[in-house]
PDB file of N, CA and C in Angstrom:
ATOM      1  N   MET A   1       0.810  -1.262   0.153  1.00  0.00           N
ATOM      2  CA  MET A   1       0.097  -0.064  -0.243  1.00  0.00           C
ATOM      3  C   MET A   1       0.530   1.290  -0.378  1.00  0.00           C
ATOM      4  N   PRO A   2       0.909   1.776  -0.621  1.00  0.00           N
ATOM      5  CA  PRO A   2       1.576   3.234  -0.860  1.00  0.00           C
ATOM      6  C   PRO A   2       1.226   3.895   0.031  1.00  0.00           C
ATOM      7  N   THR A   3       2.261   4.959   0.645  1.00  0.00           N
ATOM      8  CA  THR A   3       2.634   5.394   1.779  1.00  0.00           C
ATOM      9  C   THR A   3       2.927   6.940   1.698  1.00  0.00           C
ATOM     10  N   LEU A   4       2.238   8.384   2.476  1.00  0.00           N
ATOM     11  CA  LEU A   4       2.904   9.565   2.174  1.00  0.00           C
ATOM     12  C   LEU A   4       3.228   9.850   3.309  1.00  0.00           C
ATOM     13  N   ILE A   5       4.241  10.249   3.011  1.00  0.00           N
ATOM     14  CA  ILE A   5       5.253  10.608   4.597  1.00  0.00           C
ATOM     15  C   ILE A   5       5.548  12.343   4.023  1.00  0.00           C
ATOM     16  N   PHE A   6       5.871  12.976   5.331  1.00  0.00           N
ATOM     17  CA  PHE A   6       5.430  14.445   5.325  1.00  0.00           C
ATOM     18  C   PHE A   6       6.441  14.912   5.801  1.00  0.00           C
ATOM     19  N   THR A   7       7.627  15.925   5.268  1.00  0.00           N
ATOM     20  CA  THR A   7       8.926  16.470   6.289  1.00  0.00           C
ATOM     21  C   THR A   7       8.094  17.080   7.564  1.00  0.00           C
ATOM     22  N   GLN A   8       9.396  17.438   8.015  1.00  0.00           N
ATOM     23  CA  GLN A   8       8.908  17.993   9.854  1.00  0.00           C
ATOM     24  C   GLN A   8       8.152  19.194   9.310  1.00  0.00           C
ATOM     25  N   GLN A   9       8.878  19.884   8.429  1.00  0.00           N
ATOM     26  CA  GLN A   9       8.679  21.269   8.517  1.00  0.00           C
ATOM     27  C   GLN A   9       6.848  21.392   7.937  1.00  0.00           C
ATOM     28  N   LEU A  10       6.516  20.784   7.227  1.00  0.00           N
ATOM     29  CA  LEU A  10       5.105  20.996   7.335  1.00  0.00           C
ATOM     30  C   LEU A  10       3.567  20.571   8.512  1.00  0.00           C
ATOM     31  N   ARG A  11       4.669  19.284   9.716  1.00  0.00           N
ATOM     32  CA  ARG A  11       4.319  18.796  10.730  1.00  0.00           C
ATOM     33  C   ARG A  11       4.275  20.218  11.655  1.00  0.00           C
ATOM     34  N   ARG A  12       4.820  21.261  11.344  1.00  0.00           N
ATOM     35  CA  ARG A  12       5.122  21.830  12.671  1.00  0.00           C
ATOM     36  C   ARG A  12       3.999  22.765  11.851  1.00  0.00           C
ATOM     37  N   PHE A  13       3.049  23.249  11.143  1.00  0.00           N
ATOM     38  CA  PHE A  13       2.246  23.804  10.687  1.00  0.00           C
ATOM     39  C   PHE A  13       0.684  23.454  10.982  1.00  0.00           C
ATOM     40  N   THR A  14       0.618  21.726  10.879  1.00  0.00           N
ATOM     41  CA  THR A  14      -0.597  21.561  10.822  1.00  0.00           C
ATOM     42  C   THR A  14      -0.042  19.679  11.138  1.00  0.00           C
ATOM     43  N   ASP A  15      -1.259  18.771  11.747  1.00  0.00           N
ATOM     44  CA  ASP A  15      -1.267  18.037  11.822  1.00  0.00           C
ATOM     45  C   ASP A  15      -0.964  16.734  10.961  1.00  0.00           C
ATOM     46  N   VAL A  16       0.302  15.596  10.749  1.00  0.00           N
ATOM     47  CA  VAL A  16       0.189  15.464   9.211  1.00  0.00           C
ATOM     48  C   VAL A  16       1.298  13.952   9.552  1.00  0.00           C
ATOM     49  N   PRO A  17      -0.232  13.411  10.221  1.00  0.00           N
ATOM     50  CA  PRO A  17       0.696  11.608   9.999  1.00  0.00           C
ATOM     51  C   PRO A  17       0.805  11.019   9.063  1.00  0.00           C
ATOM     52  N   GLU A  18       1.990   9.973   8.767  1.00  0.00           N
ATOM     53  CA  GLU A  18       1.848   9.438   7.205  1.00  0.00           C
ATOM     54  C   GLU A  18       0.587   8.566   7.525  1.00  0.00           C
ATOM     55  N   VAL A  19       0.781   8.802   6.070  1.00  0.00           N
ATOM     56  CA  VAL A  19      -0.798   8.226   5.490  1.00  0.00           C
ATOM     57  C   VAL A  19      -0.658   7.084   4.547  1.00  0.00           C
ATOM     58  N   ASN A  20      -1.397   5.789   4.773  1.00  0.00           N
ATOM     59  CA  ASN A  20      -1.598   4.720   4.499  1.00  0.00           C
ATOM     60  C   ASN A  20      -2.453   4.580   2.733  1.00  0.00           C
ATOM     61  N   SER A  21      -2.870   4.901   1.587  1.00  0.00           N
ATOM     62  CA  SER A  21      -3.774   4.872   0.562  1.00  0.00           C
ATOM     63  C   SER A  21      -3.493   3.592  -0.266  1.00  0.00           C
ATOM     64  N   ALA A  22      -4.397   3.076  -0.943  1.00  0.00           N
ATOM     65  CA  ALA A  22      -4.586   2.399  -1.865  1.00  0.00           C
ATOM     66  C   ALA A  22      -4.948   2.942  -2.928  1.00  0.00           C
ATOM     67  N   ALA A  23      -4.508   4.771  -3.357  1.00  0.00           N
ATOM     68  CA  ALA A  23      -4.883   4.762  -4.263  1.00  0.00           C
ATOM     69  C   ALA A  23      -3.279   4.534  -5.609  1.00  0.00           C
ATOM     70  N   THR A  24      -3.656   5.133  -6.624  1.00  0.00           N
ATOM     71  CA  THR A  24      -3.093   4.608  -8.188  1.00  0.00           C
ATOM     72  C   THR A  24      -2.205   5.388  -8.285  1.00  0.00           C
ATOM     73  N   ASP A  25      -2.638   6.825  -7.882  1.00  0.00           N
ATOM     74  CA  ASP A  25      -1.819   7.892  -8.754  1.00  0.00           C
ATOM     75  C   ASP A  25      -1.710   8.784  -7.523  1.00  0.00           C
ATOM     76  N   LEU A  26      -0.483  10.035  -7.913  1.00  0.00           N
ATOM     77  CA  LEU A  26      -0.273  10.626  -6.838  1.00  0.00           C
ATOM     78  C   LEU A  26      -1.423  11.748  -6.502  1.00  0.00           C
ATOM     79  N   ARG A  27      -2.623  12.160  -7.584  1.00  0.00           N
ATOM     80  CA  ARG A  27      -3.353  12.940  -6.898  1.00  0.00           C
ATOM     81  C   ARG A  27      -4.497  12.700  -6.152  1.00  0.00           C
ATOM     82  N   ALA A  28      -4.758  10.571  -6.501  1.00  0.00           N
ATOM     83  CA  ALA A  28      -5.531  10.227  -5.221  1.00  0.00           C
ATOM     84  C   ALA A  28      -4.789  10.126  -3.988  1.00  0.00           C
ATOM     85  N   ALA A  29      -3.796   9.749  -3.987  1.00  0.00           N
ATOM     86  CA  ALA A  29      -3.131   9.598  -2.495  1.00  0.00           C
ATOM     87  C   ALA A  29      -3.253  10.904  -2.047  1.00  0.00           C
ATOM     88  N   LEU A  30      -2.733  12.206  -2.223  1.00  0.00           N
ATOM     89  CA  LEU A  30      -3.168  13.395  -1.773  1.00  0.00           C
ATOM     90  C   LEU A  30      -4.031  13.578  -1.444  1.00  0.00           C
ATOM     91  N   GLU A  31      -4.792  13.386  -2.129  1.00  0.00           N
ATOM     92  CA  GLU A  31      -6.605  13.402  -1.594  1.00  0.00           C
ATOM     93  C   GLU A  31      -7.056  12.441  -0.510  1.00  0.00           C
ATOM     94  N   ASP A  32      -6.650  11.214  -0.418  1.00  0.00           N
ATOM     95  CA  ASP A  32      -6.684  10.338   0.795  1.00  0.00           C
ATOM     96  C   ASP A  32      -6.265  11.374   2.240  1.00  0.00           C
ATOM     97  N   ALA A  33      -4.835  11.970   1.804  1.00  0.00           N
ATOM     98  CA  ALA A  33      -4.525  12.336   2.755  1.00  0.00           C
ATOM     99  C   ALA A  33      -5.086  13.877   3.103  1.00  0.00           C
ATOM    100  N   PHE A  34      -5.839  14.667   2.575  1.00  0.00           N
ATOM    101  CA  PHE A  34      -6.628  15.882   2.547  1.00  0.00           C
ATOM    102  C   PHE A  34      -7.563  15.118   3.418  1.00  0.00           C
ATOM    103  N   ARG A  35      -8.362  14.361   2.902  1.00  0.00           N
ATOM    104  CA  ARG A  35      -9.598  13.796   3.603  1.00  0.00           C
ATOM    105  C   ARG A  35      -9.379  14.261   5.215  1.00  0.00           C
ATOM    106  N   ILE A  36      -7.864  13.389   5.103  1.00  0.00           N
ATOM    107  CA  ILE A  36      -7.256  13.108   6.770  1.00  0.00           C
ATOM    108  C   ILE A  36      -7.215  14.211   7.522  1.00  0.00           C
ATOM    109  N   ASN A  37      -6.777  15.208   6.590  1.00  0.00           N
ATOM    110  CA  ASN A  37      -6.359  16.428   7.030  1.00  0.00           C
ATOM    111  C   ASN A  37      -6.678  17.535   6.841  1.00  0.00           C
ATOM    112  N   PRO A  38      -7.915  17.883   5.925  1.00  0.00           N
ATOM    113  CA  PRO A  38      -8.201  19.383   5.140  1.00  0.00           C
ATOM    114  C   PRO A  38      -7.720  20.338   5.114  1.00  0.00           C
ATOM    115  N   GLN A  39      -7.083  20.939   5.949  1.00  0.00           N
ATOM    116  CA  GLN A  39      -5.551  22.240   6.205  1.00  0.00           C
ATOM    117  C   GLN A  39      -4.773  21.609   5.350  1.00  0.00           C
ATOM    118  N   LEU A  40      -4.652  20.632   5.108  1.00  0.00           N
ATOM    119  CA  LEU A  40      -2.936  20.072   4.893  1.00  0.00           C
ATOM    120  C   LEU A  40      -2.927  21.024   3.268  1.00  0.00           C
ATOM    121  N   ARG A  41      -4.799  20.816   2.680  1.00  0.00           N
ATOM    122  CA  ARG A  41      -4.624  20.762   1.420  1.00  0.00           C
ATOM    123  C   ARG A  41      -3.760  22.411   0.967  1.00  0.00           C
ATOM    124  N   GLY A  42      -4.075  23.186   1.339  1.00  0.00           N
ATOM    125  CA  GLY A  42      -3.292  25.153   1.724  1.00  0.00           C
ATOM    126  C   GLY A  42      -1.927  24.961   1.283  1.00  0.00           C
ATOM    127  N   TYR A  43      -1.377  23.598   2.380  1.00  0.00           N
ATOM    128  CA  TYR A  43      -0.079  23.854   2.280  1.00  0.00           C
ATOM    129  C   TYR A  43       0.532  23.573   0.779  1.00  0.00           C
ATOM    130  N   ILE A  44      -0.108  22.464   0.476  1.00  0.00           N
ATOM    131  CA  ILE A  44       0.612  21.203  -0.454  1.00  0.00           C
ATOM    132  C   ILE A  44      -0.146  22.241  -2.127  1.00  0.00           C
ATOM    133  N   LEU A  45      -1.402  22.743  -1.703  1.00  0.00           N
ATOM    134  CA  LEU A  45      -1.582  22.946  -3.699  1.00  0.00           C
ATOM    135  C   LEU A  45      -2.107  24.054  -3.625  1.00  0.00           C
ATOM    136  N   ASP A  46      -2.434  24.831  -4.567  1.00  0.00           N
ATOM    137  CA  ASP A  46      -2.572  25.978  -5.007  1.00  0.00           C
ATOM    138  C   ASP A  46      -4.010  26.423  -5.147  1.00  0.00           C
ATOM    139  N   GLU A  47      -4.688  28.355  -5.875  1.00  0.00           N
ATOM    140  CA  GLU A  47      -5.704  27.404  -5.613  1.00  0.00           C
ATOM    141  C   GLU A  47      -6.384  27.108  -7.035  1.00  0.00           C
ATOM    142  N   GLN A  48      -5.258  26.492  -7.667  1.00  0.00           N
ATOM    143  CA  GLN A  48      -5.468  25.908  -9.291  1.00  0.00           C
ATOM    144  C   GLN A  48      -5.394  24.274  -8.940  1.00  0.00           C
ATOM    145  N   GLY A  49      -5.691  23.909  -7.957  1.00  0.00           N
ATOM    146  CA  GLY A  49      -4.787  22.497  -7.073  1.00  0.00           C
ATOM    147  C   GLY A  49      -3.502  22.123  -8.019  1.00  0.00           C
ATOM    148  N   HIS A  50      -3.061  22.632  -8.577  1.00  0.00           N
ATOM    149  CA  HIS A  50      -1.928  22.611  -8.628  1.00  0.00           C
ATOM    150  C   HIS A  50      -0.666  22.230  -7.516  1.00  0.00           C
ATOM    151  N   LEU A  51       0.136  21.743  -7.759  1.00  0.00           N
ATOM    152  CA  LEU A  51       1.205  21.373  -6.398  1.00  0.00           C
ATOM    153  C   LEU A  51       2.341  23.329  -6.254  1.00  0.00           C
ATOM    154  N   ARG A  52       2.076  23.553  -5.164  1.00  0.00           N
ATOM    155  CA  ARG A  52       2.696  24.468  -5.202  1.00  0.00           C
ATOM    156  C   ARG A  52       4.601  24.727  -5.717  1.00  0.00           C
ATOM    157  N   ARG A  53       4.629  26.111  -5.709  1.00  0.00           N
ATOM    158  CA  ARG A  53       6.016  26.240  -6.117  1.00  0.00           C
ATOM    159  C   ARG A  53       6.947  25.705  -5.188  1.00  0.00           C
ATOM    160  N   HIS A  54       7.246  25.827  -3.427  1.00  0.00           N
ATOM    161  CA  HIS A  54       7.809  25.764  -2.329  1.00  0.00           C
ATOM    162  C   HIS A  54       7.785  24.315  -1.752  1.00  0.00           C
ATOM    163  N   VAL A  55       6.904  23.283  -3.265  1.00  0.00           N
ATOM    164  CA  VAL A  55       7.197  21.921  -2.749  1.00  0.00           C
ATOM    165  C   VAL A  55       6.955  20.980  -3.191  1.00  0.00           C
ATOM    166  N   VAL A  56       8.268  20.275  -3.068  1.00  0.00           N
ATOM    167  CA  VAL A  56       8.894  19.005  -3.701  1.00  0.00           C
ATOM    168  C   VAL A  56       8.010  17.757  -3.367  1.00  0.00           C
ATOM    169  N   ILE A  57       7.558  16.713  -4.200  1.00  0.00           N
ATOM    170  CA  ILE A  57       6.847  15.559  -4.417  1.00  0.00           C
ATOM    171  C   ILE A  57       8.056  14.041  -4.739  1.00  0.00           C
ATOM    172  N   PHE A  58       8.653  13.395  -4.262  1.00  0.00           N
ATOM    173  CA  PHE A  58       9.491  12.260  -4.342  1.00  0.00           C
ATOM    174  C   PHE A  58       8.722  10.838  -4.928  1.00  0.00           C
ATOM    175  N   ILE A  59       8.475  10.619  -5.545  1.00  0.00           N
ATOM    176  CA  ILE A  59       7.944   8.518  -5.352  1.00  0.00           C
ATOM    177  C   ILE A  59       8.845   7.827  -5.830  1.00  0.00           C
ATOM    178  N   ASP A  60       9.026   7.193  -4.371  1.00  0.00           N
ATOM    179  CA  ASP A  60      10.271   6.170  -4.948  1.00  0.00           C
ATOM    180  C   ASP A  60      11.565   6.523  -5.175  1.00  0.00           C
ATOM    181  N   GLY A  61      12.066   7.800  -4.908  1.00  0.00           N
ATOM    182  CA  GLY A  61      13.015   8.554  -5.098  1.00  0.00           C
ATOM    183  C   GLY A  61      13.108   9.004  -5.935  1.00  0.00           C
ATOM    184  N   ARG A  62      12.461   9.318  -6.660  1.00  0.00           N
ATOM    185  CA  ARG A  62      11.993  10.209  -8.576  1.00  0.00           C
ATOM    186  C   ARG A  62      11.390  11.581  -8.164  1.00  0.00           C
ATOM    187  N   ARG A  63      11.783  12.501  -8.245  1.00  0.00           N
ATOM    188  CA  ARG A  63      11.048  13.704  -8.006  1.00  0.00           C
ATOM    189  C   ARG A  63       9.918  13.483  -9.382  1.00  0.00           C
ATOM    190  N   VAL A  64       8.788  14.126  -8.671  1.00  0.00           N
ATOM    191  CA  VAL A  64       7.690  14.398  -9.494  1.00  0.00           C
ATOM    192  C   VAL A  64       7.950  15.745 -10.403  1.00  0.00           C
ATOM    193  N   HIS A  65       7.706  15.552 -11.525  1.00  0.00           N
ATOM    194  CA  HIS A  65       7.673  16.913 -12.605  1.00  0.00           C
ATOM    195  C   HIS A  65       6.594  17.620 -12.859  1.00  0.00           C
ATOM    196  N   ASP A  66       5.335  16.695 -13.334  1.00  0.00           N
ATOM    197  CA  ASP A  66       4.368  17.660 -13.311  1.00  0.00           C
ATOM    198  C   ASP A  66       3.548  17.625 -12.053  1.00  0.00           C
ATOM    199  N   ARG A  67       3.650  19.258 -12.028  1.00  0.00           N
ATOM    200  CA  ARG A  67       3.004  19.572 -11.235  1.00  0.00           C
ATOM    201  C   ARG A  67       1.942  20.062 -11.008  1.00  0.00           C
ATOM    202  N   VAL A  68       0.865  19.685 -12.411  1.00  0.00           N
ATOM    203  CA  VAL A  68      -0.244  20.503 -12.480  1.00  0.00           C
ATOM    204  C   VAL A  68      -0.939  18.960 -12.782  1.00  0.00           C
ATOM    205  N   ALA A  69      -0.704  18.475 -13.410  1.00  0.00           N
ATOM    206  CA  ALA A  69      -1.954  16.686 -13.419  1.00  0.00           C
ATOM    207  C   ALA A  69      -1.282  15.787 -11.817  1.00  0.00           C
ATOM    208  N   LEU A  70      -0.523  15.498 -11.969  1.00  0.00           N
ATOM    209  CA  LEU A  70      -0.021  14.926 -10.656  1.00  0.00           C
ATOM    210  C   LEU A  70      -0.356  13.589 -10.428  1.00  0.00           C
ATOM    211  N   ASN A  71      -0.812  13.466 -12.036  1.00  0.00           N
ATOM    212  CA  ASN A  71      -1.074  11.523 -12.222  1.00  0.00           C
ATOM    213  C   ASN A  71       0.148  10.756 -12.466  1.00  0.00           C
ATOM    214  N   ASP A  72       1.059  10.759 -11.264  1.00  0.00           N
ATOM    215  CA  ASP A  72       1.798   9.418 -11.509  1.00  0.00           C
ATOM    216  C   ASP A  72       1.711   8.669 -10.904  1.00  0.00           C
ATOM    217  N   PRO A  73       2.424   7.740 -11.575  1.00  0.00           N
ATOM    218  CA  PRO A  73       1.667   6.098 -11.203  1.00  0.00           C
ATOM    219  C   PRO A  73       2.218   5.809  -9.693  1.00  0.00           C
ATOM    220  N   LEU A  74       1.320   4.918  -9.333  1.00  0.00           N
ATOM    221  CA  LEU A  74       1.970   4.622  -7.612  1.00  0.00           C
ATOM    222  C   LEU A  74       2.111   2.964  -7.956  1.00  0.00           C
ATOM    223  N   SER A  75       2.988   2.172  -7.265  1.00  0.00           N
ATOM    224  CA  SER A  75       3.086   1.283  -6.891  1.00  0.00           C
ATOM    225  C   SER A  75       2.231   0.704  -5.261  1.00  0.00           C
ATOM    226  N   LEU A  76       2.265  -0.606  -5.533  1.00  0.00           N
ATOM    227  CA  LEU A  76       1.711  -1.413  -3.991  1.00  0.00           C
ATOM    228  C   LEU A  76       2.619  -0.692  -2.929  1.00  0.00           C
ATOM    229  N   ASN A  77       3.732  -0.540  -3.338  1.00  0.00           N
ATOM    230  CA  ASN A  77       4.096  -0.120  -1.828  1.00  0.00           C
ATOM    231  C   ASN A  77       5.184   1.114  -2.211  1.00  0.00           C
ATOM    232  N   SER A  78       5.002   1.785  -3.144  1.00  0.00           N
ATOM    233  CA  SER A  78       5.570   2.763  -2.955  1.00  0.00           C
ATOM    234  C   SER A  78       5.604   4.079  -1.667  1.00  0.00           C
ATOM    235  N   SER A  79       6.787   4.753  -2.084  1.00  0.00           N
ATOM    236  CA  SER A  79       7.116   5.453  -0.753  1.00  0.00           C
ATOM    237  C   SER A  79       6.871   7.180  -1.388  1.00  0.00           C
ATOM    238  N   ILE A  80       6.192   7.705  -0.580  1.00  0.00           N
ATOM    239  CA  ILE A  80       5.807   8.726  -1.724  1.00  0.00           C
ATOM    240  C   ILE A  80       6.060  10.259   0.031  1.00  0.00           C
ATOM    241  N   HIS A  81       7.536  10.485  -0.694  1.00  0.00           N
ATOM    242  CA  HIS A  81       8.219  11.939   0.333  1.00  0.00           C
ATOM    243  C   HIS A  81       7.303  13.166  -0.155  1.00  0.00           C
ATOM    244  N   VAL A  82       7.241  13.797   0.485  1.00  0.00           N
ATOM    245  CA  VAL A  82       6.771  15.369   0.535  1.00  0.00           C
ATOM    246  C   VAL A  82       7.141  16.405   1.249  1.00  0.00           C
ATOM    247  N   LEU A  83       7.704  17.040   0.517  1.00  0.00           N
ATOM    248  CA  LEU A  83       9.194  18.403   1.337  1.00  0.00           C
ATOM    249  C   LEU A  83       8.485  20.160   0.742  1.00  0.00           C
ATOM    250  N   GLN A  84       8.772  20.605   2.082  1.00  0.00           N
ATOM    251  CA  GLN A  84       8.700  22.298   2.075  1.00  0.00           C
ATOM    252  C   GLN A  84       9.887  22.686   1.996  1.00  0.00           C
ATOM    253  N   ALA A  85      10.206  23.531   0.926  1.00  0.00           N
ATOM    254  CA  ALA A  85      11.377  24.076   0.704  1.00  0.00           C
ATOM    255  C   ALA A  85      11.332  24.791   1.966  1.00  0.00           C
ATOM    256  N   LEU A  86      12.728  24.932   2.141  1.00  0.00           N
ATOM    257  CA  LEU A  86      13.228  25.953   3.549  1.00  0.00           C
ATOM    258  C   LEU A  86      13.655  27.525   2.361  1.00  0.00           C
ATOM    259  N   SER A  87      13.428  28.379   3.157  1.00  0.00           N
ATOM    260  CA  SER A  87      14.273  29.459   2.538  1.00  0.00           C
ATOM    261  C   SER A  87      14.973  30.567   4.048  1.00  0.00           C
ATOM    262  N   GLY A  88      15.350  31.374   3.429  1.00  0.00           N
ATOM    263  CA  GLY A  88      15.126  32.200   4.787  1.00  0.00           C
ATOM    264  C   GLY A  88      17.234  31.861   4.983  1.00  0.00           C
ATOM    265  N   GLY A  89      17.993  33.289   6.290  1.00  0.00           N
ATOM    266  CA  GLY A  89      18.867  32.819   6.252  1.00  0.00           C
ATOM    267  C   GLY A  89      19.634  32.279   7.650  1.00  0.00           C
TER     268      GLY A  89
END
């Protein structure tokens, strides 16, 4: 079962446990996480439903490049890491 893992930066703002999902693509897995915590959507997606510029997602160690469709396929054991970029001095 695919697992979404969120970085500590996101956990500082909202409760984001690891999420196990039966989804077969990235967007559906994210929707599973948003059902658990609706506030998380605003940190991950913009108003158009696209991945925010400061968020990066890796599926099984490969960076997701399509930030609009988010339809990357998932395997039964996919590990999805959701990272929020840090900025500042």
